[in-house]
Amino acid sequence: MRQLVLTIGTTILLMQPAAAIDARFERSLRMLAPPERLEQLCDYTAMQEIRKDHKPYRPDRIVAGAGAEPQIKDHTVVAKSAAFRSQKKWYALSFKCTAAADHLAVTSFSYTLGDEIPESSWTKFGLWE
């Protein structure tokens, strides 16, 4: 996964209130402690943005710590070695996500998609079918 090829990069500034996210998802977030809420919000945002920007992909899972643990400081997650699953294949991903203080809305998000991760490497990165 270290051979992450920077094929696509996108930066998005989001200033949407919490009401803009799916209401059920927001209720779920409110049940989590703030650090877990931040990670879940950023994973959700990554999936939504990939779906919106790259129609061939249909992400259903994000692993922020696939190659290395994400860095979390204050209201920001930096995941340099993440992965996302789409149609039973895993792909390299890196992202930076900053949320509002309550961790219910993303204020900025940028990401880069990489290559498909070969199935022979899935176990190494904690991925599954």
C-alpha atoms as a PDB file:
ATOM      1  CA  MET A   1       0.000   0.000   0.000  1.00  0.00           C
ATOM      2  CA  ARG A   2       3.004   2.295   0.348  1.00  0.00           C
ATOM      3  CA  GLN A   3       3.037   2.472  -3.455  1.00  0.00           C
ATOM      4  CA  LEU A   4      -0.017   4.695  -3.322  1.00  0.00           C
ATOM      5  CA  VAL A   5      -0.378   6.331  -6.692  1.00  0.00           C
ATOM      6  CA  LEU A   6      -1.886   9.761  -6.531  1.00  0.00           C
ATOM      7  CA  THR A   7      -4.330   9.363  -9.378  1.00  0.00           C
ATOM      8  CA  ILE A   8      -7.104  11.640  -8.241  1.00  0.00           C
ATOM      9  CA  GLY A   9      -7.121  14.507  -5.771  1.00  0.00           C
ATOM     10  CA  THR A  10     -10.049  16.559  -4.621  1.00  0.00           C
ATOM     11  CA  THR A  11     -10.561  19.251  -2.018  1.00  0.00           C
ATOM     12  CA  ILE A  12     -13.997  20.061  -0.707  1.00  0.00           C
ATOM     13  CA  LEU A  13     -15.008  22.713   1.759  1.00  0.00           C
ATOM     14  CA  LEU A  14     -18.170  21.773   3.586  1.00  0.00           C
ATOM     15  CA  MET A  15     -20.007  24.235   5.728  1.00  0.00           C
ATOM     16  CA  GLN A  16     -23.201  22.256   6.100  1.00  0.00           C
ATOM     17  CA  PRO A  17     -25.115  22.050   9.347  1.00  0.00           C
ATOM     18  CA  ALA A  18     -25.565  18.675  10.981  1.00  0.00           C
ATOM     19  CA  ALA A  19     -29.112  18.578   9.571  1.00  0.00           C
ATOM     20  CA  ALA A  20     -27.600  18.166   6.099  1.00  0.00           C
ATOM     21  CA  ILE A  21     -26.391  14.659   6.916  1.00  0.00           C
ATOM     22  CA  ASP A  22     -28.729  11.703   7.019  1.00  0.00           C
ATOM     23  CA  ALA A  23     -30.923  12.044  10.128  1.00  0.00           C
ATOM     24  CA  ARG A  24     -30.459   8.396  11.144  1.00  0.00           C
ATOM     25  CA  PHE A  25     -26.710   8.716  10.833  1.00  0.00           C
ATOM     26  CA  GLU A  26     -26.737  11.877  12.948  1.00  0.00           C
ATOM     27  CA  ARG A  27     -28.710  10.095  15.693  1.00  0.00           C
ATOM     28  CA  SER A  28     -26.123   7.304  15.647  1.00  0.00           C
ATOM     29  CA  LEU A  29     -23.280   9.805  15.862  1.00  0.00           C
ATOM     30  CA  ARG A  30     -24.798  11.488  18.904  1.00  0.00           C
ATOM     31  CA  MET A  31     -24.583   8.165  20.773  1.00  0.00           C
ATOM     32  CA  LEU A  32     -20.806   8.005  20.341  1.00  0.00           C
ATOM     33  CA  ALA A  33     -18.050   9.633  22.355  1.00  0.00           C
ATOM     34  CA  PRO A  34     -16.555  12.643  20.516  1.00  0.00           C
ATOM     35  CA  PRO A  35     -13.370  10.885  19.268  1.00  0.00           C
ATOM     36  CA  GLU A  36     -15.344   7.978  17.788  1.00  0.00           C
ATOM     37  CA  ARG A  37     -17.917  10.424  16.422  1.00  0.00           C
ATOM     38  CA  LEU A  38     -15.160  12.292  14.575  1.00  0.00           C
ATOM     39  CA  GLU A  39     -13.794   9.115  12.989  1.00  0.00           C
ATOM     40  CA  GLN A  40     -17.235   7.865  11.938  1.00  0.00           C
ATOM     41  CA  LEU A  41     -18.200  11.264  10.522  1.00  0.00           C
ATOM     42  CA  CYS A  42     -15.006  11.437   8.474  1.00  0.00           C
ATOM     43  CA  ASP A  43     -15.384   7.856   7.197  1.00  0.00           C
ATOM     44  CA  TYR A  44     -18.994   8.591   6.209  1.00  0.00           C
ATOM     45  CA  THR A  45     -17.947  11.795   4.460  1.00  0.00           C
ATOM     46  CA  ALA A  46     -15.226   9.953   2.540  1.00  0.00           C
ATOM     47  CA  MET A  47     -17.731   7.398   1.254  1.00  0.00           C
ATOM     48  CA  GLN A  48     -20.246  10.080   0.289  1.00  0.00           C
ATOM     49  CA  GLU A  49     -17.682  12.189  -1.557  1.00  0.00           C
ATOM     50  CA  ILE A  50     -16.223   9.228  -3.458  1.00  0.00           C
ATOM     51  CA  ARG A  51     -19.744   8.139  -4.480  1.00  0.00           C
ATOM     52  CA  LYS A  52     -20.556  11.661  -5.646  1.00  0.00           C
ATOM     53  CA  ASP A  53     -17.283  12.398  -7.457  1.00  0.00           C
ATOM     54  CA  HIS A  54     -16.457   8.998  -8.943  1.00  0.00           C
ATOM     55  CA  LYS A  55     -19.549   7.221 -10.245  1.00  0.00           C
ATOM     56  CA  PRO A  56     -17.863   3.867 -11.008  1.00  0.00           C
ATOM     57  CA  TYR A  57     -17.079   3.450  -7.290  1.00  0.00           C
ATOM     58  CA  ARG A  58     -19.754   2.465  -4.785  1.00  0.00           C
ATOM     59  CA  PRO A  59     -17.910   2.516  -1.445  1.00  0.00           C
ATOM     60  CA  ASP A  60     -19.518   0.552   1.354  1.00  0.00           C
ATOM     61  CA  ARG A  61     -16.647   0.512   3.857  1.00  0.00           C
ATOM     62  CA  ILE A  62     -13.684   2.711   4.840  1.00  0.00           C
ATOM     63  CA  VAL A  63     -10.712   1.555   6.919  1.00  0.00           C
ATOM     64  CA  ALA A  64      -8.873   4.700   7.982  1.00  0.00           C
ATOM     65  CA  GLY A  65      -6.000   2.734   9.530  1.00  0.00           C
ATOM     66  CA  ALA A  66      -5.353   0.173   6.803  1.00  0.00           C
ATOM     67  CA  GLY A  67      -1.618   0.862   6.448  1.00  0.00           C
ATOM     68  CA  ALA A  68      -0.978   3.027   9.485  1.00  0.00           C
ATOM     69  CA  GLU A  69      -3.109   4.462  12.260  1.00  0.00           C
ATOM     70  CA  PRO A  70      -4.724   7.765  11.321  1.00  0.00           C
ATOM     71  CA  GLN A  71      -3.477  10.885  13.063  1.00  0.00           C
ATOM     72  CA  ILE A  72      -6.164  12.567  15.136  1.00  0.00           C
ATOM     73  CA  LYS A  73      -5.679  15.970  16.680  1.00  0.00           C
ATOM     74  CA  ASP A  74      -8.424  18.221  18.012  1.00  0.00           C
ATOM     75  CA  HIS A  75     -11.114  18.116  15.321  1.00  0.00           C
ATOM     76  CA  THR A  76      -9.008  16.732  12.445  1.00  0.00           C
ATOM     77  CA  VAL A  77      -8.321  13.231  11.144  1.00  0.00           C
ATOM     78  CA  VAL A  78      -5.416  12.653   8.762  1.00  0.00           C
ATOM     79  CA  ALA A  79      -5.512   9.159   7.267  1.00  0.00           C
ATOM     80  CA  LYS A  80      -2.526   8.716   4.973  1.00  0.00           C
ATOM     81  CA  SER A  81      -2.918   4.943   4.527  1.00  0.00           C
ATOM     82  CA  ALA A  82      -6.654   4.366   4.398  1.00  0.00           C
ATOM     83  CA  ALA A  83      -8.599   2.049   2.124  1.00  0.00           C
ATOM     84  CA  PHE A  84     -12.144   1.870   0.814  1.00  0.00           C
ATOM     85  CA  ARG A  85     -14.125  -1.097  -0.453  1.00  0.00           C
ATOM     86  CA  SER A  86     -16.215  -0.886  -3.597  1.00  0.00           C
ATOM     87  CA  GLN A  87     -17.889  -3.854  -5.280  1.00  0.00           C
ATOM     88  CA  LYS A  88     -15.793  -6.352  -3.287  1.00  0.00           C
ATOM     89  CA  LYS A  89     -12.481  -4.706  -4.196  1.00  0.00           C
ATOM     90  CA  TRP A  90     -10.302  -2.520  -1.981  1.00  0.00           C
ATOM     91  CA  TYR A  91      -8.609   0.689  -3.107  1.00  0.00           C
ATOM     92  CA  ALA A  92      -5.978   2.921  -1.530  1.00  0.00           C
ATOM     93  CA  LEU A  93      -7.186   6.219  -0.089  1.00  0.00           C
ATOM     94  CA  SER A  94      -5.758   9.092   1.881  1.00  0.00           C
ATOM     95  CA  PHE A  95      -7.802  11.900   3.376  1.00  0.00           C
ATOM     96  CA  LYS A  96      -7.807  14.858   5.713  1.00  0.00           C
ATOM     97  CA  CYS A  97     -11.053  15.703   7.449  1.00  0.00           C
ATOM     98  CA  THR A  98     -11.803  18.553   9.834  1.00  0.00           C
ATOM     99  CA  ALA A  99     -15.075  18.762  11.736  1.00  0.00           C
ATOM    100  CA  ALA A 100     -16.912  21.310  13.800  1.00  0.00           C
ATOM    101  CA  ALA A 101     -16.273  21.234  17.546  1.00  0.00           C
ATOM    102  CA  ASP A 102     -19.286  18.965  18.182  1.00  0.00           C
ATOM    103  CA  HIS A 103     -18.058  16.505  15.525  1.00  0.00           C
ATOM    104  CA  LEU A 104     -21.457  16.520  13.825  1.00  0.00           C
ATOM    105  CA  ALA A 105     -20.509  18.484  10.690  1.00  0.00           C
ATOM    106  CA  VAL A 106     -17.464  18.445   8.444  1.00  0.00           C
ATOM    107  CA  THR A 107     -15.929  21.859   7.786  1.00  0.00           C
ATOM    108  CA  SER A 108     -13.247  20.750   5.306  1.00  0.00           C
ATOM    109  CA  PHE A 109     -12.397  17.532   3.540  1.00  0.00           C
ATOM    110  CA  SER A 110      -9.782  16.555   0.981  1.00  0.00           C
ATOM    111  CA  TYR A 111      -8.858  13.164  -0.365  1.00  0.00           C
ATOM    112  CA  THR A 112      -6.774  11.279  -2.889  1.00  0.00           C
ATOM    113  CA  LEU A 113      -7.683   7.945  -4.431  1.00  0.00           C
ATOM    114  CA  GLY A 114      -5.027   5.386  -5.241  1.00  0.00           C
ATOM    115  CA  ASP A 115      -4.747   2.040  -6.947  1.00  0.00           C
ATOM    116  CA  GLU A 116      -6.631  -1.147  -6.283  1.00  0.00           C
ATOM    117  CA  ILE A 117      -5.106  -3.127  -3.416  1.00  0.00           C
ATOM    118  CA  PRO A 118      -4.388  -6.703  -4.540  1.00  0.00           C
ATOM    119  CA  GLU A 119      -6.327  -9.369  -2.659  1.00  0.00           C
ATOM    120  CA  SER A 120      -3.017 -10.944  -1.653  1.00  0.00           C
ATOM    121  CA  SER A 121      -2.356  -7.825   0.493  1.00  0.00           C
ATOM    122  CA  TRP A 122      -5.745  -7.601   2.199  1.00  0.00           C
ATOM    123  CA  THR A 123      -4.755  -9.545   5.307  1.00  0.00           C
ATOM    124  CA  LYS A 124      -1.644  -7.405   5.757  1.00  0.00           C
ATOM    125  CA  PHE A 125      -3.836  -4.287   5.868  1.00  0.00           C
ATOM    126  CA  GLY A 126      -6.688  -5.775   7.916  1.00  0.00           C
ATOM    127  CA  LEU A 127      -9.085  -5.847   4.965  1.00  0.00           C
ATOM    128  CA  TRP A 128     -11.687  -8.474   4.091  1.00  0.00           C
ATOM    129  CA  GLU A 129     -14.171  -9.386   1.355  1.00  0.00           C
END
